[in-house]
Amino acid sequence: MTRGAGNALALSASWWIDDYDSFTRSIRTYEPIAVARNSAALKEHLEQVLREVLAWKRGAWTQVATGYKGIWDTTWTKAQFEQLANQWPRPK
């Protein structure tokens, strides 16, 4: 969520998975939508975005970014890199 124009907020979402072996970042994005800051619909929009993000499947990426070789492999070993990943709880 970021400030939008006027009294609006911009809701967006991103999910990415880094693959050390292929030096790629697979990304899925939810394009920003504008919602009035004090809108009664704000909660509804937040819940809708969360539902959509939780329904995303691996492999349905909007982008696969390359070019991380020479950065990741000179900065971390594979084991160190994997320890960097956040371990978020699984939503119910």
N, C-alpha and C. Protein backbone atom coordinates (compact mmCIF):
# COMPACT_ATOMS: atom_id res chain seq x y z
N MET A 1 0.84 -1.15 0.00
CA MET A 1 0.00 0.00 0.00
C MET A 1 0.90 1.23 0.00
N THR A 2 0.59 2.16 -0.92
CA THR A 2 1.32 3.42 -0.99
C THR A 2 0.30 4.55 -1.14
N ARG A 3 0.76 5.76 -0.93
CA ARG A 3 -0.11 6.90 -1.13
C ARG A 3 -0.33 7.10 -2.62
N GLY A 4 -1.56 7.31 -2.95
CA GLY A 4 -1.91 7.61 -4.33
C GLY A 4 -2.20 9.10 -4.46
N ALA A 5 -2.84 9.46 -5.53
CA ALA A 5 -3.19 10.86 -5.77
C ALA A 5 -4.33 11.27 -4.84
N GLY A 6 -4.26 12.48 -4.36
CA GLY A 6 -5.33 13.01 -3.52
C GLY A 6 -5.53 12.20 -2.26
N ASN A 7 -6.75 11.75 -2.06
CA ASN A 7 -7.11 11.00 -0.85
C ASN A 7 -7.10 9.49 -1.11
N ALA A 8 -6.34 9.06 -2.11
CA ALA A 8 -6.36 7.65 -2.49
C ALA A 8 -5.14 6.90 -1.98
N LEU A 9 -5.31 5.61 -1.82
CA LEU A 9 -4.22 4.69 -1.55
C LEU A 9 -4.09 3.78 -2.77
N ALA A 10 -2.89 3.34 -3.04
CA ALA A 10 -2.68 2.39 -4.14
C ALA A 10 -2.35 1.03 -3.51
N LEU A 11 -3.22 0.06 -3.75
CA LEU A 11 -3.01 -1.30 -3.24
C LEU A 11 -2.35 -2.13 -4.33
N SER A 12 -1.28 -2.81 -3.98
CA SER A 12 -0.61 -3.69 -4.93
C SER A 12 -0.04 -4.87 -4.15
N ALA A 13 0.45 -5.86 -4.88
CA ALA A 13 1.04 -7.03 -4.22
C ALA A 13 2.08 -7.64 -5.15
N SER A 14 3.08 -8.26 -4.55
CA SER A 14 4.12 -8.96 -5.30
C SER A 14 4.50 -10.23 -4.55
N TRP A 15 4.86 -11.24 -5.31
CA TRP A 15 5.37 -12.50 -4.77
C TRP A 15 6.54 -12.88 -5.65
N TRP A 16 7.63 -13.27 -5.03
CA TRP A 16 8.76 -13.72 -5.84
C TRP A 16 9.45 -14.89 -5.17
N ILE A 17 10.06 -15.70 -6.02
CA ILE A 17 10.85 -16.83 -5.55
C ILE A 17 12.19 -16.77 -6.27
N ASP A 18 13.25 -16.78 -5.50
CA ASP A 18 14.60 -16.77 -6.06
C ASP A 18 15.10 -18.19 -6.23
N ASP A 19 15.77 -18.45 -7.35
CA ASP A 19 16.34 -19.76 -7.63
C ASP A 19 17.84 -19.59 -7.81
N TYR A 20 18.57 -19.99 -6.79
CA TYR A 20 20.03 -19.83 -6.80
C TYR A 20 20.66 -20.63 -7.94
N ASP A 21 20.15 -21.82 -8.22
CA ASP A 21 20.75 -22.68 -9.24
C ASP A 21 20.66 -22.08 -10.65
N SER A 22 19.55 -21.41 -10.95
CA SER A 22 19.41 -20.80 -12.28
C SER A 22 19.66 -19.30 -12.25
N PHE A 23 19.91 -18.75 -11.05
CA PHE A 23 20.17 -17.31 -10.86
C PHE A 23 19.03 -16.48 -11.45
N THR A 24 17.79 -16.88 -11.11
CA THR A 24 16.61 -16.16 -11.58
C THR A 24 15.70 -15.81 -10.41
N ARG A 25 14.91 -14.80 -10.63
CA ARG A 25 13.86 -14.41 -9.68
C ARG A 25 12.54 -14.45 -10.44
N SER A 26 11.66 -15.36 -10.03
CA SER A 26 10.34 -15.48 -10.65
C SER A 26 9.38 -14.60 -9.86
N ILE A 27 8.65 -13.76 -10.59
CA ILE A 27 7.86 -12.71 -9.95
C ILE A 27 6.41 -12.76 -10.43
N ARG A 28 5.50 -12.55 -9.52
CA ARG A 28 4.08 -12.39 -9.85
C ARG A 28 3.65 -11.08 -9.20
N THR A 29 2.99 -10.22 -9.96
CA THR A 29 2.56 -8.93 -9.43
C THR A 29 1.06 -8.74 -9.60
N TYR A 30 0.51 -7.99 -8.72
CA TYR A 30 -0.88 -7.55 -8.77
C TYR A 30 -0.82 -6.05 -8.98
N GLU A 31 -1.32 -5.63 -10.12
CA GLU A 31 -1.21 -4.21 -10.46
C GLU A 31 -1.96 -3.34 -9.46
N PRO A 32 -1.42 -2.17 -9.14
CA PRO A 32 -2.05 -1.31 -8.14
C PRO A 32 -3.48 -0.91 -8.52
N ILE A 33 -4.32 -0.86 -7.51
CA ILE A 33 -5.67 -0.33 -7.67
C ILE A 33 -5.82 0.82 -6.69
N ALA A 34 -6.55 1.83 -7.10
CA ALA A 34 -6.75 3.02 -6.25
C ALA A 34 -7.99 2.83 -5.39
N VAL A 35 -7.84 3.14 -4.11
CA VAL A 35 -8.95 3.05 -3.16
C VAL A 35 -8.91 4.30 -2.30
N ALA A 36 -10.06 4.89 -2.07
CA ALA A 36 -10.13 6.07 -1.22
C ALA A 36 -9.65 5.72 0.19
N ARG A 37 -8.83 6.59 0.73
CA ARG A 37 -8.20 6.33 2.03
C ARG A 37 -9.21 6.06 3.13
N ASN A 38 -10.27 6.80 3.20
CA ASN A 38 -11.26 6.63 4.26
C ASN A 38 -12.47 5.85 3.79
N SER A 39 -12.30 5.11 2.72
CA SER A 39 -13.40 4.37 2.13
C SER A 39 -13.80 3.18 2.99
N ALA A 40 -15.10 2.94 3.07
CA ALA A 40 -15.58 1.74 3.76
C ALA A 40 -15.18 0.50 2.98
N ALA A 41 -14.88 0.67 1.69
CA ALA A 41 -14.51 -0.46 0.83
C ALA A 41 -13.03 -0.85 0.99
N LEU A 42 -12.26 -0.07 1.74
CA LEU A 42 -10.82 -0.35 1.88
C LEU A 42 -10.58 -1.76 2.42
N LYS A 43 -11.27 -2.12 3.50
CA LYS A 43 -11.11 -3.46 4.07
C LYS A 43 -11.47 -4.53 3.05
N GLU A 44 -12.56 -4.33 2.33
CA GLU A 44 -12.98 -5.28 1.31
C GLU A 44 -11.91 -5.45 0.23
N HIS A 45 -11.33 -4.34 -0.21
CA HIS A 45 -10.28 -4.40 -1.23
C HIS A 45 -9.03 -5.12 -0.70
N LEU A 46 -8.64 -4.83 0.53
CA LEU A 46 -7.49 -5.50 1.12
C LEU A 46 -7.71 -7.01 1.19
N GLU A 47 -8.89 -7.41 1.63
CA GLU A 47 -9.20 -8.84 1.72
C GLU A 47 -9.23 -9.49 0.35
N GLN A 48 -9.74 -8.78 -0.66
CA GLN A 48 -9.79 -9.31 -2.02
C GLN A 48 -8.39 -9.52 -2.58
N VAL A 49 -7.52 -8.55 -2.38
CA VAL A 49 -6.13 -8.68 -2.86
C VAL A 49 -5.46 -9.86 -2.17
N LEU A 50 -5.64 -10.00 -0.86
CA LEU A 50 -5.05 -11.12 -0.14
C LEU A 50 -5.59 -12.46 -0.65
N ARG A 51 -6.88 -12.55 -0.87
CA ARG A 51 -7.45 -13.79 -1.41
C ARG A 51 -6.82 -14.14 -2.76
N GLU A 52 -6.66 -13.14 -3.61
CA GLU A 52 -6.08 -13.39 -4.93
C GLU A 52 -4.63 -13.84 -4.83
N VAL A 53 -3.87 -13.17 -3.98
CA VAL A 53 -2.46 -13.53 -3.82
C VAL A 53 -2.35 -14.96 -3.29
N LEU A 54 -3.17 -15.32 -2.31
CA LEU A 54 -3.10 -16.66 -1.76
C LEU A 54 -3.53 -17.73 -2.76
N ALA A 55 -4.25 -17.35 -3.79
CA ALA A 55 -4.68 -18.31 -4.82
C ALA A 55 -3.65 -18.46 -5.95
N TRP A 56 -2.63 -17.60 -5.99
CA TRP A 56 -1.62 -17.69 -7.04
C TRP A 56 -0.91 -19.03 -6.96
N LYS A 57 -0.57 -19.57 -8.12
CA LYS A 57 0.14 -20.85 -8.23
C LYS A 57 1.55 -20.61 -8.72
N ARG A 58 2.47 -21.44 -8.24
CA ARG A 58 3.83 -21.41 -8.76
C ARG A 58 3.79 -21.64 -10.26
N GLY A 59 4.62 -20.92 -10.97
CA GLY A 59 4.70 -21.08 -12.41
C GLY A 59 3.85 -20.09 -13.19
N ALA A 60 2.92 -19.43 -12.53
CA ALA A 60 2.08 -18.43 -13.21
C ALA A 60 2.69 -17.04 -13.00
N TRP A 61 3.93 -16.91 -13.40
CA TRP A 61 4.69 -15.68 -13.15
C TRP A 61 4.35 -14.61 -14.19
N THR A 62 4.45 -13.36 -13.79
CA THR A 62 4.32 -12.26 -14.73
C THR A 62 5.68 -11.88 -15.30
N GLN A 63 6.75 -12.33 -14.64
CA GLN A 63 8.11 -12.02 -15.11
C GLN A 63 9.08 -13.02 -14.49
N VAL A 64 10.10 -13.39 -15.25
CA VAL A 64 11.23 -14.14 -14.70
C VAL A 64 12.47 -13.31 -15.00
N ALA A 65 13.04 -12.76 -13.95
CA ALA A 65 14.20 -11.88 -14.09
C ALA A 65 15.48 -12.70 -14.05
N THR A 66 16.41 -12.36 -14.91
CA THR A 66 17.70 -13.04 -14.97
C THR A 66 18.81 -12.05 -14.66
N GLY A 67 20.04 -12.53 -14.71
CA GLY A 67 21.17 -11.63 -14.53
C GLY A 67 21.74 -11.59 -13.13
N TYR A 68 21.35 -12.55 -12.30
CA TYR A 68 21.83 -12.54 -10.92
C TYR A 68 23.14 -13.31 -10.75
N LYS A 69 23.55 -14.07 -11.77
CA LYS A 69 24.84 -14.76 -11.69
C LYS A 69 25.92 -13.68 -11.65
N GLY A 70 26.92 -13.91 -10.86
CA GLY A 70 27.96 -12.90 -10.70
C GLY A 70 27.66 -11.97 -9.54
N ILE A 71 26.42 -11.97 -9.09
CA ILE A 71 26.03 -11.20 -7.90
C ILE A 71 25.82 -12.18 -6.76
N TRP A 72 24.83 -13.07 -6.95
CA TRP A 72 24.51 -14.01 -5.89
C TRP A 72 25.66 -14.97 -5.62
N ASP A 73 26.26 -15.52 -6.67
CA ASP A 73 27.28 -16.56 -6.46
C ASP A 73 28.61 -16.00 -5.96
N THR A 74 28.84 -14.71 -6.11
CA THR A 74 30.06 -14.13 -5.56
C THR A 74 29.83 -13.54 -4.17
N THR A 75 28.56 -13.45 -3.77
CA THR A 75 28.22 -12.89 -2.47
C THR A 75 27.92 -13.98 -1.44
N TRP A 76 27.23 -15.06 -1.89
CA TRP A 76 26.80 -16.11 -0.98
C TRP A 76 27.05 -17.49 -1.57
N THR A 77 27.24 -18.45 -0.71
CA THR A 77 27.16 -19.85 -1.14
C THR A 77 25.66 -20.17 -1.25
N LYS A 78 25.34 -21.30 -1.86
CA LYS A 78 23.93 -21.67 -1.98
C LYS A 78 23.29 -21.81 -0.59
N ALA A 79 24.00 -22.44 0.33
CA ALA A 79 23.47 -22.62 1.69
C ALA A 79 23.23 -21.27 2.37
N GLN A 80 24.15 -20.34 2.23
CA GLN A 80 23.97 -19.01 2.82
C GLN A 80 22.78 -18.30 2.19
N PHE A 81 22.66 -18.41 0.87
CA PHE A 81 21.57 -17.76 0.14
C PHE A 81 20.22 -18.28 0.62
N GLU A 82 20.12 -19.58 0.77
CA GLU A 82 18.85 -20.18 1.21
C GLU A 82 18.48 -19.76 2.63
N GLN A 83 19.47 -19.45 3.45
CA GLN A 83 19.19 -18.98 4.81
C GLN A 83 18.64 -17.56 4.82
N LEU A 84 18.81 -16.83 3.72
CA LEU A 84 18.31 -15.45 3.64
C LEU A 84 16.80 -15.38 3.48
N ALA A 85 16.21 -16.44 2.96
CA ALA A 85 14.77 -16.43 2.69
C ALA A 85 13.98 -16.31 3.99
N ASN A 86 12.98 -15.43 3.95
CA ASN A 86 12.09 -15.30 5.09
C ASN A 86 11.24 -16.56 5.22
N GLN A 87 11.06 -17.03 6.40
CA GLN A 87 10.24 -18.20 6.66
C GLN A 87 8.90 -17.72 7.23
N TRP A 88 7.99 -17.36 6.34
CA TRP A 88 6.70 -16.86 6.76
C TRP A 88 5.78 -18.01 7.15
N PRO A 89 4.90 -17.79 8.08
CA PRO A 89 3.92 -18.86 8.40
C PRO A 89 2.98 -19.04 7.22
N ARG A 90 2.47 -20.25 7.06
CA ARG A 90 1.52 -20.54 5.98
C ARG A 90 0.12 -20.06 6.41
N PRO A 91 -0.52 -19.25 5.58
CA PRO A 91 -1.88 -18.80 5.92
C PRO A 91 -2.85 -19.98 5.95
N LYS A 92 -3.85 -19.87 6.78
CA LYS A 92 -4.87 -20.92 6.87
C LYS A 92 -6.07 -20.56 6.06
